[in-house]
Amino acid sequence: MIVAIVDDLIFRSKLSATAKAKHASVQFLSGSVEQNLEKIKLLQPSKIILDLNAMKLEPLKLTQKIKSSSDTLAIPTIAFLSHIQADLYAAAKAAGCDIIMPRSEFVKELENLL
């Protein structure tokens, strides 16, 4: 089980299709930070995928909460963003994201990441 915090419908569709082809399941979360954190604690996914540009889902705040909870600390987080967002990259690193990559690289590596 993989949890994804992604609000782009086209990208959600691509993630779903790739996961299905890899016989993996993806649970998309779109609640508040606290709701998403509780769901993640309950689901205990093998990894969490975060779209750092999904600002209304507050991915940086969620990452900080994930990495500060003993229940979720060990779950790997994979984040992606536009390649020109150096400040957002630095903020994601500071928040505790395990892997951060440009969206184009993430798309190329998606099959291997799932």
Protein backbone atom coordinates (compact mmCIF):
# COMPACT_ATOMS: atom_id res chain seq x y z
CA MET A 1 0.00 0.00 0.00
CA ILE A 2 1.29 3.41 -1.04
CA VAL A 3 -0.21 6.69 0.13
CA ALA A 4 -0.17 9.62 -2.27
CA ILE A 5 -0.76 13.28 -1.47
CA VAL A 6 -1.40 14.51 -5.01
CA ASP A 7 -4.15 16.84 -6.21
CA ASP A 8 -3.44 16.88 -9.96
CA LEU A 9 -6.08 14.61 -11.55
CA ILE A 10 -3.97 13.69 -14.58
CA PHE A 11 -1.04 12.78 -12.38
CA ARG A 12 -3.29 10.80 -10.03
CA SER A 13 -4.48 8.82 -13.04
CA LYS A 14 -0.87 8.12 -14.12
CA LEU A 15 0.03 6.99 -10.59
CA SER A 16 -3.01 4.71 -10.43
CA ALA A 17 -2.30 3.14 -13.82
CA THR A 18 1.37 2.55 -13.00
CA ALA A 19 0.53 1.09 -9.60
CA LYS A 20 -2.05 -1.23 -11.13
CA ALA A 21 0.50 -2.45 -13.68
CA LYS A 22 2.93 -3.14 -10.81
CA HIS A 23 0.19 -4.90 -8.76
CA ALA A 24 0.46 -2.22 -6.08
CA SER A 25 -2.31 -0.22 -4.51
CA VAL A 26 -2.36 3.53 -4.04
CA GLN A 27 -4.54 5.36 -1.55
CA PHE A 28 -4.95 9.06 -2.38
CA LEU A 29 -5.51 11.34 0.60
CA SER A 30 -6.93 14.82 0.31
CA GLY A 31 -7.99 15.80 3.82
CA SER A 32 -6.41 18.18 6.28
CA VAL A 33 -2.90 17.60 7.58
CA GLU A 34 -4.27 16.06 10.78
CA GLN A 35 -6.76 13.86 8.91
CA ASN A 36 -4.07 12.67 6.51
CA LEU A 37 -1.64 11.97 9.34
CA GLU A 38 -4.23 9.87 11.18
CA LYS A 39 -4.99 7.93 7.98
CA ILE A 40 -1.29 7.31 7.42
CA LYS A 41 -0.91 6.04 10.99
CA LEU A 42 -3.84 3.71 10.42
CA LEU A 43 -2.77 2.46 6.97
CA GLN A 44 0.99 2.15 7.68
CA PRO A 45 1.89 2.39 3.96
CA SER A 46 5.19 1.15 2.55
CA LYS A 47 5.89 4.68 1.24
CA ILE A 48 4.34 8.11 0.88
CA ILE A 49 4.39 10.12 -2.34
CA LEU A 50 4.04 13.89 -1.99
CA ASP A 51 3.40 16.50 -4.66
CA LEU A 52 5.14 19.53 -3.18
CA ASN A 53 3.10 21.78 -5.47
CA ALA A 54 -0.20 20.57 -3.96
CA MET A 55 -0.13 23.55 -1.61
CA LYS A 56 -3.72 23.21 -0.39
CA LEU A 57 -2.76 19.79 1.02
CA GLU A 58 0.18 21.34 2.90
CA PRO A 59 2.75 18.65 1.99
CA LEU A 60 5.61 20.29 3.93
CA LYS A 61 3.59 20.54 7.13
CA LEU A 62 2.44 16.94 6.68
CA THR A 63 6.02 15.77 6.14
CA GLN A 64 7.12 17.49 9.35
CA LYS A 65 4.32 15.72 11.25
CA ILE A 66 5.16 12.36 9.63
CA LYS A 67 8.83 12.68 10.52
CA SER A 68 8.11 13.82 14.09
CA SER A 69 5.78 10.92 14.96
CA SER A 70 7.26 7.63 16.13
CA ASP A 71 4.34 5.85 14.41
CA THR A 72 5.28 7.16 10.96
CA LEU A 73 8.93 8.26 11.17
CA ALA A 74 10.27 5.18 9.35
CA ILE A 75 7.90 5.43 6.37
CA PRO A 76 9.90 6.64 3.35
CA THR A 77 8.67 9.87 1.77
CA ILE A 78 9.20 10.58 -1.92
CA ALA A 79 8.46 14.14 -2.99
CA PHE A 80 8.43 15.77 -6.39
CA LEU A 81 8.30 19.38 -7.58
CA SER A 82 9.01 21.58 -10.57
CA HIS A 83 12.73 21.60 -11.37
CA ILE A 84 13.16 25.35 -10.85
CA GLN A 85 11.91 25.50 -7.25
CA ALA A 86 15.17 25.61 -5.29
CA ASP A 87 13.55 27.22 -2.23
CA LEU A 88 10.82 24.57 -2.11
CA TYR A 89 13.46 21.85 -2.52
CA ALA A 90 15.38 23.25 0.47
CA ALA A 91 12.18 23.49 2.54
CA ALA A 92 11.28 19.88 1.71
CA LYS A 93 14.76 18.74 2.71
CA ALA A 94 14.43 20.64 6.01
CA ALA A 95 10.98 19.13 6.59
CA GLY A 96 12.47 15.63 6.34
CA CYS A 97 11.56 14.33 2.87
CA ASP A 98 13.68 11.27 2.16
CA ILE A 99 13.78 11.62 -1.63
CA ILE A 100 13.08 14.83 -3.54
CA MET A 101 13.15 14.97 -7.32
CA PRO A 102 11.97 17.08 -10.22
CA ARG A 103 8.58 16.03 -11.59
CA SER A 104 10.10 15.01 -14.95
CA GLU A 105 12.57 12.65 -13.24
CA PHE A 106 9.83 11.32 -10.97
CA VAL A 107 7.69 10.46 -14.01
CA LYS A 108 10.62 8.66 -15.67
CA GLU A 109 11.37 6.69 -12.48
CA LEU A 110 7.76 6.14 -11.39
CA GLU A 111 7.67 2.46 -12.26
CA ASN A 112 10.86 1.83 -10.24
CA LEU A 113 9.65 3.93 -7.31
CA LEU A 114 6.46 1.94 -6.83
